[in-house]
Amino acid sequence: MEHVKSPEGEILTRAFLGFVQNSIACFRYILVTNNFGPAMGPVKSDIGGNISRLETRYLSSQSEFNYLYRIVRSEIESKKAKSSSSCANALLWLTRAMDFLSELFGNLMVHPDWSMSQVCADSYGKSLKKWHGWLASSSFSVALKLAPDRKKFMSIVGVKGDDVSDMENFCGRFSPLLEENHKFLAQCWNGQFESLTRHSQW
């Protein structure tokens, strides 16, 4: 996590996408969704596609796009940022997916008595649900019902016994980055961009 920002405080593209020591959670999120069964396949594919879109843009000119937000600024200048296939859109939806994961881990820590289905439903309601249309929301809700039980899930993500320190560290350090992404994207269009981008797919 300490590699995600430059000394000047800017988010580094390569690190954010998980290329540096796999320290960031984007690719790990895909591994986590594997445990929800085939119903989560479209979600995993969408997240993977967003990562690939940003990666491709970064690799096209690594020096120019060393900082994550430069990719978005470049699209704004060329008037391509609001396209559904833009990197700006990819960053937005990747951040929203990470919001869900952060909420999920937070609920696991704060509500040890909740079942996995309760954890998932509340996390989804606080993050992705407001951006999904009816079809996407229904599909996602069905997928979440296939989540493994709480004990199995905690074992899958590497929690041993009651030690949730790694999970707590992740939420505490990653959530501010997600908030920074949201603020940046909202400021780019005075708050218009996020309100215009809802998911009707899946």
N, C-alpha and C. Protein backbone atom coordinates (compact mmCIF):
# COMPACT_ATOMS: atom_id res chain seq x y z
N MET A 1 0.82 -1.21 0.00
CA MET A 1 0.00 0.00 0.00
C MET A 1 0.85 1.26 0.00
N GLU A 2 2.03 1.19 0.60
CA GLU A 2 2.87 2.39 0.68
C GLU A 2 3.43 2.80 -0.67
N HIS A 3 3.31 1.93 -1.68
CA HIS A 3 3.84 2.24 -3.01
C HIS A 3 2.81 2.92 -3.91
N VAL A 4 1.59 3.08 -3.43
CA VAL A 4 0.52 3.56 -4.30
C VAL A 4 0.66 5.02 -4.67
N LYS A 5 1.26 5.83 -3.79
CA LYS A 5 1.39 7.25 -4.08
C LYS A 5 2.85 7.64 -4.25
N SER A 6 3.05 8.68 -5.05
CA SER A 6 4.38 9.25 -5.22
C SER A 6 4.74 10.06 -3.99
N PRO A 7 5.99 10.46 -3.84
CA PRO A 7 6.37 11.31 -2.70
C PRO A 7 5.59 12.62 -2.67
N GLU A 8 5.09 13.04 -3.82
CA GLU A 8 4.31 14.28 -3.89
C GLU A 8 2.84 14.06 -3.57
N GLY A 9 2.46 12.79 -3.38
CA GLY A 9 1.09 12.50 -2.99
C GLY A 9 0.15 12.16 -4.12
N GLU A 10 0.66 11.93 -5.33
CA GLU A 10 -0.19 11.58 -6.47
C GLU A 10 -0.28 10.06 -6.60
N ILE A 11 -1.46 9.56 -6.95
CA ILE A 11 -1.66 8.13 -7.11
C ILE A 11 -0.94 7.65 -8.37
N LEU A 12 -0.12 6.64 -8.22
CA LEU A 12 0.65 6.08 -9.33
C LEU A 12 -0.18 5.02 -10.04
N THR A 13 -0.27 5.14 -11.34
CA THR A 13 -1.10 4.22 -12.12
C THR A 13 -0.67 2.78 -11.94
N ARG A 14 0.60 2.52 -12.13
CA ARG A 14 1.10 1.14 -12.09
C ARG A 14 0.84 0.50 -10.73
N ALA A 15 1.08 1.25 -9.68
CA ALA A 15 0.87 0.71 -8.34
C ALA A 15 -0.61 0.50 -8.05
N PHE A 16 -1.44 1.45 -8.46
CA PHE A 16 -2.86 1.33 -8.20
C PHE A 16 -3.45 0.10 -8.87
N LEU A 17 -3.00 -0.22 -10.02
CA LEU A 17 -3.53 -1.37 -10.74
C LEU A 17 -2.95 -2.69 -10.26
N GLY A 18 -2.08 -2.63 -9.30
CA GLY A 18 -1.62 -3.87 -8.70
C GLY A 18 -0.38 -4.45 -9.31
N PHE A 19 0.39 -3.64 -10.11
CA PHE A 19 1.57 -4.18 -10.76
C PHE A 19 2.78 -4.21 -9.83
N VAL A 20 2.76 -3.42 -8.77
CA VAL A 20 3.90 -3.37 -7.86
C VAL A 20 3.66 -4.31 -6.68
N GLN A 21 4.30 -5.43 -6.66
CA GLN A 21 4.25 -6.42 -5.59
C GLN A 21 2.84 -6.86 -5.23
N ASN A 22 1.91 -6.69 -6.18
CA ASN A 22 0.51 -7.05 -5.94
C ASN A 22 -0.02 -6.46 -4.63
N SER A 23 0.44 -5.27 -4.30
CA SER A 23 0.11 -4.71 -2.99
C SER A 23 -1.26 -4.06 -2.93
N ILE A 24 -1.85 -3.77 -4.10
CA ILE A 24 -3.15 -3.14 -4.08
C ILE A 24 -4.20 -4.20 -4.39
N ALA A 25 -5.45 -3.93 -4.12
CA ALA A 25 -6.46 -4.97 -4.07
C ALA A 25 -7.23 -5.21 -5.36
N CYS A 26 -6.95 -4.50 -6.44
CA CYS A 26 -7.77 -4.63 -7.64
C CYS A 26 -7.82 -6.06 -8.18
N PHE A 27 -6.63 -6.66 -8.39
CA PHE A 27 -6.62 -8.02 -8.89
C PHE A 27 -7.06 -9.01 -7.82
N ARG A 28 -6.73 -8.72 -6.58
CA ARG A 28 -7.13 -9.61 -5.49
C ARG A 28 -8.65 -9.66 -5.37
N TYR A 29 -9.31 -8.57 -5.70
CA TYR A 29 -10.77 -8.55 -5.67
C TYR A 29 -11.34 -9.60 -6.61
N ILE A 30 -10.72 -9.74 -7.79
CA ILE A 30 -11.18 -10.75 -8.74
C ILE A 30 -11.05 -12.14 -8.13
N LEU A 31 -9.95 -12.39 -7.43
CA LEU A 31 -9.76 -13.69 -6.80
C LEU A 31 -10.82 -13.93 -5.73
N VAL A 32 -11.17 -12.89 -4.99
CA VAL A 32 -12.21 -13.02 -3.97
C VAL A 32 -13.54 -13.38 -4.59
N THR A 33 -13.89 -12.75 -5.71
CA THR A 33 -15.19 -13.01 -6.33
C THR A 33 -15.28 -14.43 -6.88
N ASN A 34 -14.14 -15.10 -7.11
CA ASN A 34 -14.19 -16.48 -7.56
C ASN A 34 -14.96 -17.36 -6.59
N ASN A 35 -14.95 -17.01 -5.32
CA ASN A 35 -15.55 -17.83 -4.30
C ASN A 35 -17.07 -17.68 -4.23
N PHE A 36 -17.64 -16.80 -5.01
CA PHE A 36 -19.08 -16.63 -5.02
C PHE A 36 -19.74 -17.48 -6.11
N GLY A 37 -18.97 -18.27 -6.82
CA GLY A 37 -19.54 -19.13 -7.83
C GLY A 37 -19.70 -18.46 -9.18
N PRO A 38 -20.23 -19.20 -10.18
CA PRO A 38 -20.32 -18.69 -11.56
C PRO A 38 -21.24 -17.49 -11.72
N ALA A 39 -22.17 -17.29 -10.80
CA ALA A 39 -23.09 -16.16 -10.93
C ALA A 39 -22.37 -14.82 -10.85
N MET A 40 -21.18 -14.81 -10.25
CA MET A 40 -20.41 -13.58 -10.13
C MET A 40 -19.50 -13.36 -11.35
N GLY A 41 -19.56 -14.26 -12.31
CA GLY A 41 -18.71 -14.17 -13.49
C GLY A 41 -18.81 -12.86 -14.23
N PRO A 42 -20.03 -12.35 -14.53
CA PRO A 42 -20.14 -11.06 -15.23
C PRO A 42 -19.50 -9.91 -14.46
N VAL A 43 -19.63 -9.94 -13.13
CA VAL A 43 -19.04 -8.89 -12.31
C VAL A 43 -17.51 -8.93 -12.43
N LYS A 44 -16.97 -10.14 -12.30
CA LYS A 44 -15.52 -10.33 -12.41
C LYS A 44 -15.02 -9.88 -13.77
N SER A 45 -15.77 -10.21 -14.81
CA SER A 45 -15.38 -9.83 -16.16
C SER A 45 -15.40 -8.32 -16.33
N ASP A 46 -16.39 -7.67 -15.77
CA ASP A 46 -16.50 -6.21 -15.87
C ASP A 46 -15.33 -5.54 -15.15
N ILE A 47 -15.01 -6.02 -13.97
CA ILE A 47 -13.90 -5.44 -13.20
C ILE A 47 -12.59 -5.67 -13.94
N GLY A 48 -12.40 -6.89 -14.45
CA GLY A 48 -11.19 -7.20 -15.20
C GLY A 48 -11.05 -6.33 -16.44
N GLY A 49 -12.19 -6.06 -17.10
CA GLY A 49 -12.17 -5.22 -18.28
C GLY A 49 -11.78 -3.79 -17.96
N ASN A 50 -12.25 -3.28 -16.83
CA ASN A 50 -11.90 -1.92 -16.41
C ASN A 50 -10.41 -1.81 -16.10
N ILE A 51 -9.88 -2.82 -15.43
CA ILE A 51 -8.45 -2.84 -15.14
C ILE A 51 -7.64 -2.88 -16.43
N SER A 52 -8.05 -3.73 -17.36
CA SER A 52 -7.33 -3.88 -18.63
C SER A 52 -7.36 -2.59 -19.45
N ARG A 53 -8.49 -1.88 -19.41
CA ARG A 53 -8.60 -0.64 -20.17
C ARG A 53 -7.62 0.41 -19.64
N LEU A 54 -7.54 0.52 -18.34
CA LEU A 54 -6.60 1.46 -17.73
C LEU A 54 -5.15 1.02 -17.96
N GLU A 55 -4.92 -0.27 -17.87
CA GLU A 55 -3.57 -0.79 -18.08
C GLU A 55 -3.10 -0.52 -19.51
N THR A 56 -3.98 -0.76 -20.48
CA THR A 56 -3.63 -0.55 -21.88
C THR A 56 -3.27 0.90 -22.14
N ARG A 57 -4.03 1.81 -21.56
CA ARG A 57 -3.76 3.23 -21.73
C ARG A 57 -2.43 3.61 -21.09
N TYR A 58 -2.18 3.07 -19.93
CA TYR A 58 -0.92 3.34 -19.23
C TYR A 58 0.26 2.84 -20.05
N LEU A 59 0.16 1.63 -20.58
CA LEU A 59 1.26 1.04 -21.33
C LEU A 59 1.51 1.75 -22.66
N SER A 60 0.51 2.49 -23.15
CA SER A 60 0.69 3.21 -24.42
C SER A 60 1.69 4.35 -24.27
N SER A 61 1.85 4.86 -23.05
CA SER A 61 2.83 5.92 -22.79
C SER A 61 3.06 5.99 -21.28
N GLN A 62 3.94 5.13 -20.79
CA GLN A 62 4.12 5.00 -19.35
C GLN A 62 4.61 6.28 -18.67
N SER A 63 5.45 7.02 -19.35
CA SER A 63 5.94 8.26 -18.75
C SER A 63 4.83 9.31 -18.68
N GLU A 64 4.01 9.38 -19.72
CA GLU A 64 2.93 10.37 -19.75
C GLU A 64 1.84 10.04 -18.75
N PHE A 65 1.56 8.74 -18.60
CA PHE A 65 0.45 8.31 -17.75
C PHE A 65 0.93 7.62 -16.47
N ASN A 66 2.08 8.04 -16.00
CA ASN A 66 2.61 7.49 -14.75
C ASN A 66 1.68 7.76 -13.58
N TYR A 67 1.00 8.92 -13.63
CA TYR A 67 0.04 9.26 -12.59
C TYR A 67 -1.37 8.96 -13.09
N LEU A 68 -2.16 8.32 -12.27
CA LEU A 68 -3.47 7.81 -12.66
C LEU A 68 -4.38 8.88 -13.23
N TYR A 69 -4.44 10.03 -12.59
CA TYR A 69 -5.39 11.05 -13.01
C TYR A 69 -5.01 11.72 -14.33
N ARG A 70 -3.78 11.56 -14.75
CA ARG A 70 -3.38 12.10 -16.05
C ARG A 70 -4.13 11.41 -17.19
N ILE A 71 -4.45 10.15 -16.99
CA ILE A 71 -5.21 9.40 -18.01
C ILE A 71 -6.57 10.06 -18.20
N VAL A 72 -7.22 10.38 -17.10
CA VAL A 72 -8.55 11.00 -17.16
C VAL A 72 -8.46 12.41 -17.73
N ARG A 73 -7.48 13.17 -17.28
CA ARG A 73 -7.33 14.55 -17.79
C ARG A 73 -7.09 14.56 -19.30
N SER A 74 -6.34 13.57 -19.77
CA SER A 74 -6.09 13.47 -21.21
C SER A 74 -7.39 13.24 -21.97
N GLU A 75 -8.27 12.42 -21.42
CA GLU A 75 -9.55 12.15 -22.08
C GLU A 75 -10.47 13.37 -22.02
N ILE A 76 -10.39 14.10 -20.94
CA ILE A 76 -11.19 15.32 -20.83
C ILE A 76 -10.78 16.32 -21.91
N GLU A 77 -9.47 16.47 -22.09
CA GLU A 77 -8.96 17.39 -23.09
C GLU A 77 -9.37 16.99 -24.50
N SER A 78 -9.45 15.69 -24.75
CA SER A 78 -9.83 15.20 -26.08
C SER A 78 -11.33 14.94 -26.19
N LYS A 79 -12.07 15.31 -25.12
CA LYS A 79 -13.53 15.17 -25.09
C LYS A 79 -13.99 13.72 -25.27
N LYS A 80 -13.26 12.79 -24.67
CA LYS A 80 -13.62 11.38 -24.75
C LYS A 80 -13.97 10.78 -23.39
N ALA A 81 -13.89 11.60 -22.36
CA ALA A 81 -14.01 11.07 -21.00
C ALA A 81 -15.39 10.50 -20.67
N LYS A 82 -16.43 11.05 -21.26
CA LYS A 82 -17.78 10.61 -20.91
C LYS A 82 -18.25 9.42 -21.73
N SER A 83 -17.41 8.92 -22.61
CA SER A 83 -17.75 7.73 -23.37
C SER A 83 -17.82 6.52 -22.44
N SER A 84 -18.73 5.59 -22.73
CA SER A 84 -18.86 4.39 -21.90
C SER A 84 -17.61 3.52 -21.96
N SER A 85 -16.80 3.70 -23.01
CA SER A 85 -15.58 2.91 -23.16
C SER A 85 -14.33 3.68 -22.73
N SER A 86 -14.52 4.79 -22.05
CA SER A 86 -13.39 5.61 -21.65
C SER A 86 -12.68 5.04 -20.42
N CYS A 87 -11.47 5.48 -20.21
CA CYS A 87 -10.72 5.11 -19.00
C CYS A 87 -11.30 5.80 -17.78
N ALA A 88 -11.87 6.99 -17.99
CA ALA A 88 -12.52 7.68 -16.88
C ALA A 88 -13.68 6.84 -16.34
N ASN A 89 -14.46 6.29 -17.26
CA ASN A 89 -15.57 5.42 -16.87
C ASN A 89 -15.04 4.14 -16.21
N ALA A 90 -13.94 3.63 -16.73
CA ALA A 90 -13.34 2.42 -16.15
C ALA A 90 -12.87 2.67 -14.72
N LEU A 91 -12.24 3.82 -14.50
CA LEU A 91 -11.77 4.16 -13.16
C LEU A 91 -12.94 4.33 -12.20
N LEU A 92 -14.00 4.95 -12.69
CA LEU A 92 -15.18 5.17 -11.86
C LEU A 92 -15.77 3.84 -11.39
N TRP A 93 -15.97 2.91 -12.33
CA TRP A 93 -16.60 1.64 -11.98
C TRP A 93 -15.66 0.73 -11.20
N LEU A 94 -14.38 0.84 -11.45
CA LEU A 94 -13.42 0.07 -10.66
C LEU A 94 -13.43 0.58 -9.21
N THR A 95 -13.51 1.87 -9.04
CA THR A 95 -13.56 2.46 -7.70
C THR A 95 -14.84 2.05 -6.99
N ARG A 96 -15.95 2.04 -7.70
CA ARG A 96 -17.22 1.62 -7.10
C ARG A 96 -17.16 0.16 -6.66
N ALA A 97 -16.53 -0.68 -7.45
CA ALA A 97 -16.39 -2.09 -7.07
C ALA A 97 -15.55 -2.22 -5.81
N MET A 98 -14.50 -1.41 -5.72
CA MET A 98 -13.67 -1.42 -4.52
C MET A 98 -14.43 -0.88 -3.30
N ASP A 99 -15.36 0.05 -3.54
CA ASP A 99 -16.21 0.54 -2.45
C ASP A 99 -16.98 -0.62 -1.83
N PHE A 100 -17.51 -1.48 -2.68
CA PHE A 100 -18.26 -2.64 -2.20
C PHE A 100 -17.38 -3.54 -1.34
N LEU A 101 -16.18 -3.81 -1.83
CA LEU A 101 -15.28 -4.69 -1.08
C LEU A 101 -14.89 -4.06 0.25
N SER A 102 -14.66 -2.77 0.27
CA SER A 102 -14.30 -2.08 1.50
C SER A 102 -15.44 -2.12 2.50
N GLU A 103 -16.67 -1.91 2.00
CA GLU A 103 -17.84 -2.00 2.87
C GLU A 103 -18.00 -3.42 3.42
N LEU A 104 -17.76 -4.41 2.56
CA LEU A 104 -17.90 -5.80 2.97
C LEU A 104 -16.94 -6.15 4.10
N PHE A 105 -15.68 -5.77 3.94
CA PHE A 105 -14.70 -6.05 4.98
C PHE A 105 -15.03 -5.28 6.26
N GLY A 106 -15.52 -4.05 6.09
CA GLY A 106 -15.89 -3.26 7.25
C GLY A 106 -17.02 -3.90 8.03
N ASN A 107 -18.02 -4.42 7.34
CA ASN A 107 -19.14 -5.09 8.00
C ASN A 107 -18.70 -6.37 8.70
N LEU A 108 -17.77 -7.08 8.10
CA LEU A 108 -17.27 -8.30 8.72
C LEU A 108 -16.61 -7.99 10.06
N MET A 109 -15.95 -6.85 10.14
CA MET A 109 -15.28 -6.48 11.38
C MET A 109 -16.26 -5.94 12.42
N VAL A 110 -17.17 -5.08 11.99
CA VAL A 110 -18.06 -4.39 12.91
C VAL A 110 -19.22 -5.27 13.39
N HIS A 111 -19.63 -6.22 12.54
CA HIS A 111 -20.79 -7.06 12.86
C HIS A 111 -20.41 -8.54 12.86
N PRO A 112 -19.71 -8.99 13.89
CA PRO A 112 -19.28 -10.39 13.95
C PRO A 112 -20.45 -11.38 14.06
N ASP A 113 -21.62 -10.87 14.40
CA ASP A 113 -22.79 -11.74 14.55
C ASP A 113 -23.61 -11.86 13.27
N TRP A 114 -23.28 -11.09 12.26
CA TRP A 114 -24.03 -11.13 11.02
C TRP A 114 -23.65 -12.35 10.18
N SER A 115 -24.64 -12.88 9.46
CA SER A 115 -24.36 -13.94 8.48
C SER A 115 -23.71 -13.31 7.26
N MET A 116 -23.13 -14.15 6.41
CA MET A 116 -22.48 -13.63 5.21
C MET A 116 -23.50 -12.96 4.28
N SER A 117 -24.70 -13.49 4.23
CA SER A 117 -25.73 -12.90 3.38
C SER A 117 -26.11 -11.51 3.87
N GLN A 118 -26.17 -11.32 5.20
CA GLN A 118 -26.44 -10.00 5.76
C GLN A 118 -25.31 -9.03 5.44
N VAL A 119 -24.08 -9.49 5.59
CA VAL A 119 -22.91 -8.67 5.30
C VAL A 119 -22.94 -8.21 3.85
N CYS A 120 -23.18 -9.15 2.94
CA CYS A 120 -23.18 -8.83 1.51
C CYS A 120 -24.31 -7.87 1.13
N ALA A 121 -25.52 -8.14 1.65
CA ALA A 121 -26.66 -7.30 1.30
C ALA A 121 -26.47 -5.87 1.77
N ASP A 122 -25.99 -5.70 2.99
CA ASP A 122 -25.78 -4.35 3.52
C ASP A 122 -24.66 -3.63 2.77
N SER A 123 -23.60 -4.35 2.47
CA SER A 123 -22.46 -3.75 1.75
C SER A 123 -22.88 -3.31 0.36
N TYR A 124 -23.66 -4.14 -0.31
CA TYR A 124 -24.14 -3.80 -1.65
C TYR A 124 -25.05 -2.58 -1.60
N GLY A 125 -25.95 -2.55 -0.60
CA GLY A 125 -26.87 -1.43 -0.47
C GLY A 125 -26.18 -0.11 -0.23
N LYS A 126 -25.02 -0.14 0.44
CA LYS A 126 -24.28 1.08 0.75
C LYS A 126 -23.33 1.51 -0.36
N SER A 127 -23.16 0.67 -1.37
CA SER A 127 -22.17 0.99 -2.40
C SER A 127 -22.73 0.91 -3.82
N LEU A 128 -22.72 -0.25 -4.41
CA LEU A 128 -23.04 -0.38 -5.83
C LEU A 128 -24.52 -0.26 -6.18
N LYS A 129 -25.38 -0.61 -5.27
CA LYS A 129 -26.81 -0.73 -5.61
C LYS A 129 -27.39 0.55 -6.22
N LYS A 130 -27.02 1.70 -5.67
CA LYS A 130 -27.60 2.96 -6.16
C LYS A 130 -27.19 3.29 -7.58
N TRP A 131 -26.15 2.61 -8.09
CA TRP A 131 -25.67 2.88 -9.44
C TRP A 131 -26.15 1.83 -10.44
N HIS A 132 -26.85 0.80 -9.95
CA HIS A 132 -27.30 -0.27 -10.82
C HIS A 132 -28.75 -0.09 -11.22
N GLY A 133 -29.06 -0.47 -12.45
CA GLY A 133 -30.44 -0.54 -12.88
C GLY A 133 -31.09 -1.79 -12.30
N TRP A 134 -32.38 -2.00 -12.62
CA TRP A 134 -33.12 -3.13 -12.04
C TRP A 134 -32.48 -4.46 -12.39
N LEU A 135 -32.11 -4.66 -13.66
CA LEU A 135 -31.56 -5.94 -14.09
C LEU A 135 -30.21 -6.22 -13.42
N ALA A 136 -29.35 -5.21 -13.41
CA ALA A 136 -28.04 -5.38 -12.79
C ALA A 136 -28.18 -5.65 -11.30
N SER A 137 -29.07 -4.92 -10.64
CA SER A 137 -29.28 -5.10 -9.21
C SER A 137 -29.80 -6.49 -8.90
N SER A 138 -30.74 -6.98 -9.70
CA SER A 138 -31.30 -8.32 -9.47
C SER A 138 -30.24 -9.39 -9.66
N SER A 139 -29.43 -9.26 -10.70
CA SER A 139 -28.37 -10.23 -10.97
C SER A 139 -27.34 -10.26 -9.86
N PHE A 140 -26.96 -9.08 -9.40
CA PHE A 140 -25.96 -8.98 -8.34
C PHE A 140 -26.50 -9.58 -7.04
N SER A 141 -27.76 -9.32 -6.75
CA SER A 141 -28.36 -9.83 -5.52
C SER A 141 -28.41 -11.35 -5.52
N VAL A 142 -28.70 -11.94 -6.67
CA VAL A 142 -28.71 -13.40 -6.79
C VAL A 142 -27.31 -13.95 -6.57
N ALA A 143 -26.30 -13.30 -7.16
CA ALA A 143 -24.92 -13.75 -7.01
C ALA A 143 -24.47 -13.72 -5.56
N LEU A 144 -24.87 -12.69 -4.83
CA LEU A 144 -24.45 -12.56 -3.44
C LEU A 144 -25.04 -13.65 -2.55
N LYS A 145 -26.19 -14.18 -2.94
CA LYS A 145 -26.80 -15.25 -2.16
C LYS A 145 -25.99 -16.54 -2.24
N LEU A 146 -25.10 -16.62 -3.23
CA LEU A 146 -24.27 -17.82 -3.40
C LEU A 146 -22.95 -17.71 -2.66
N ALA A 147 -22.78 -16.65 -1.90
CA ALA A 147 -21.53 -16.48 -1.14
C ALA A 147 -21.36 -17.62 -0.15
N PRO A 148 -20.14 -18.03 0.12
CA PRO A 148 -19.90 -19.10 1.11
C PRO A 148 -20.29 -18.60 2.50
N ASP A 149 -20.38 -19.51 3.46
CA ASP A 149 -20.72 -19.06 4.81
C ASP A 149 -19.58 -18.21 5.36
N ARG A 150 -19.88 -17.51 6.42
CA ARG A 150 -18.96 -16.52 6.97
C ARG A 150 -17.61 -17.12 7.34
N LYS A 151 -17.63 -18.24 8.03
CA LYS A 151 -16.39 -18.87 8.49
C LYS A 151 -15.52 -19.26 7.30
N LYS A 152 -16.13 -19.82 6.27
CA LYS A 152 -15.37 -20.23 5.08
C LYS A 152 -14.81 -19.02 4.36
N PHE A 153 -15.62 -17.96 4.25
CA PHE A 153 -15.16 -16.76 3.57
C PHE A 153 -13.97 -16.14 4.29
N MET A 154 -14.06 -16.05 5.60
CA MET A 154 -12.97 -15.47 6.37
C MET A 154 -11.69 -16.27 6.18
N SER A 155 -11.84 -17.58 6.08
CA SER A 155 -10.67 -18.44 5.85
C SER A 155 -10.10 -18.20 4.46
N ILE A 156 -10.99 -18.02 3.47
CA ILE A 156 -10.57 -17.80 2.08
C ILE A 156 -9.74 -16.53 1.95
N VAL A 157 -10.15 -15.46 2.65
CA VAL A 157 -9.44 -14.18 2.53
C VAL A 157 -8.26 -14.09 3.50
N GLY A 158 -7.98 -15.18 4.21
CA GLY A 158 -6.76 -15.23 5.00
C GLY A 158 -6.87 -14.81 6.45
N VAL A 159 -8.10 -14.67 6.97
CA VAL A 159 -8.27 -14.31 8.37
C VAL A 159 -8.15 -15.55 9.24
N LYS A 160 -7.29 -15.49 10.23
CA LYS A 160 -7.08 -16.63 11.13
C LYS A 160 -7.71 -16.32 12.48
N GLY A 161 -8.71 -17.12 12.84
CA GLY A 161 -9.38 -16.91 14.11
C GLY A 161 -10.08 -15.56 14.16
N ASP A 162 -9.83 -14.81 15.22
CA ASP A 162 -10.47 -13.50 15.39
C ASP A 162 -9.55 -12.35 14.99
N ASP A 163 -8.43 -12.67 14.38
CA ASP A 163 -7.46 -11.62 14.01
C ASP A 163 -7.86 -10.96 12.70
N VAL A 164 -8.45 -9.79 12.79
CA VAL A 164 -8.89 -9.06 11.60
C VAL A 164 -8.00 -7.84 11.35
N SER A 165 -6.79 -7.86 11.88
CA SER A 165 -5.91 -6.69 11.77
C SER A 165 -5.57 -6.36 10.32
N ASP A 166 -5.33 -7.38 9.49
CA ASP A 166 -5.02 -7.12 8.07
C ASP A 166 -6.21 -6.49 7.37
N MET A 167 -7.40 -6.98 7.67
CA MET A 167 -8.62 -6.45 7.07
C MET A 167 -8.83 -5.00 7.51
N GLU A 168 -8.60 -4.75 8.79
CA GLU A 168 -8.73 -3.40 9.32
C GLU A 168 -7.73 -2.45 8.68
N ASN A 169 -6.51 -2.93 8.47
CA ASN A 169 -5.46 -2.13 7.83
C ASN A 169 -5.85 -1.81 6.39
N PHE A 170 -6.39 -2.80 5.69
CA PHE A 170 -6.82 -2.60 4.30
C PHE A 170 -7.88 -1.51 4.22
N CYS A 171 -8.93 -1.63 5.04
CA CYS A 171 -10.02 -0.66 5.00
C CYS A 171 -9.53 0.75 5.37
N GLY A 172 -8.70 0.82 6.39
CA GLY A 172 -8.24 2.11 6.86
C GLY A 172 -7.37 2.83 5.86
N ARG A 173 -6.61 2.09 5.06
CA ARG A 173 -5.66 2.72 4.15
C ARG A 173 -6.19 2.80 2.71
N PHE A 174 -7.08 1.89 2.34
CA PHE A 174 -7.55 1.87 0.96
C PHE A 174 -8.77 2.76 0.76
N SER A 175 -9.65 2.83 1.75
CA SER A 175 -10.87 3.65 1.62
C SER A 175 -10.57 5.11 1.29
N PRO A 176 -9.56 5.74 1.91
CA PRO A 176 -9.26 7.13 1.54
C PRO A 176 -8.85 7.30 0.08
N LEU A 177 -8.19 6.29 -0.49
CA LEU A 177 -7.83 6.35 -1.91
C LEU A 177 -9.08 6.33 -2.77
N LEU A 178 -10.04 5.51 -2.39
CA LEU A 178 -11.29 5.43 -3.15
C LEU A 178 -12.03 6.76 -3.08
N GLU A 179 -12.06 7.35 -1.91
CA GLU A 179 -12.71 8.64 -1.74
C GLU A 179 -12.01 9.71 -2.58
N GLU A 180 -10.71 9.62 -2.64
CA GLU A 180 -9.94 10.57 -3.45
C GLU A 180 -10.30 10.43 -4.93
N ASN A 181 -10.47 9.19 -5.39
CA ASN A 181 -10.88 8.96 -6.78
C ASN A 181 -12.25 9.58 -7.05
N HIS A 182 -13.19 9.34 -6.16
CA HIS A 182 -14.54 9.88 -6.34
C HIS A 182 -14.53 11.41 -6.38
N LYS A 183 -13.80 12.03 -5.48
CA LYS A 183 -13.74 13.49 -5.45
C LYS A 183 -13.13 14.04 -6.72
N PHE A 184 -12.07 13.38 -7.21
CA PHE A 184 -11.42 13.84 -8.43
C PHE A 184 -12.39 13.76 -9.61
N LEU A 185 -13.06 12.61 -9.76
CA LEU A 185 -13.97 12.43 -10.89
C LEU A 185 -15.15 13.40 -10.81
N ALA A 186 -15.65 13.64 -9.62
CA ALA A 186 -16.77 14.57 -9.45
C ALA A 186 -16.34 16.00 -9.79
N GLN A 187 -15.15 16.38 -9.37
CA GLN A 187 -14.65 17.74 -9.62
C GLN A 187 -14.42 18.00 -11.10
N CYS A 188 -14.10 16.94 -11.83
CA CYS A 188 -13.82 17.11 -13.26
C CYS A 188 -15.01 17.69 -14.01
N TRP A 189 -16.20 17.30 -13.60
CA TRP A 189 -17.40 17.78 -14.28
C TRP A 189 -18.39 18.39 -13.31
N ASN A 190 -17.90 18.97 -12.24
CA ASN A 190 -18.77 19.62 -11.26
C ASN A 190 -19.88 18.69 -10.79
N GLY A 191 -19.52 17.41 -10.61
CA GLY A 191 -20.47 16.44 -10.08
C GLY A 191 -21.36 15.80 -11.11
N GLN A 192 -21.25 16.19 -12.39
CA GLN A 192 -22.15 15.66 -13.40
C GLN A 192 -21.77 14.24 -13.83
N PHE A 193 -20.49 13.93 -13.81
CA PHE A 193 -20.03 12.67 -14.40
C PHE A 193 -20.62 11.46 -13.68
N GLU A 194 -20.56 11.43 -12.36
CA GLU A 194 -21.03 10.26 -11.64
C GLU A 194 -22.53 10.07 -11.79
N SER A 195 -23.28 11.15 -11.85
CA SER A 195 -24.73 11.03 -11.97
C SER A 195 -25.14 10.51 -13.34
N LEU A 196 -24.26 10.62 -14.32
CA LEU A 196 -24.59 10.19 -15.67
C LEU A 196 -24.20 8.77 -15.96
N THR A 197 -23.50 8.12 -15.04
CA THR A 197 -22.96 6.81 -15.35
C THR A 197 -23.54 5.75 -14.44
N ARG A 198 -24.62 5.16 -14.90
CA ARG A 198 -25.25 4.05 -14.20
C ARG A 198 -25.09 2.79 -15.04
N HIS A 199 -25.07 1.65 -14.36
CA HIS A 199 -24.88 0.39 -15.05
C HIS A 199 -26.22 -0.20 -15.43
N SER A 200 -26.41 -0.52 -16.69
CA SER A 200 -27.63 -1.21 -17.13
C SER A 200 -27.28 -2.62 -17.62
N GLN A 201 -26.00 -2.98 -17.50
CA GLN A 201 -25.54 -4.28 -18.02
C GLN A 201 -25.58 -5.35 -16.92
N TRP A 202 -24.92 -6.48 -17.19
CA TRP A 202 -24.91 -7.66 -16.33
C TRP A 202 -26.29 -8.31 -16.39
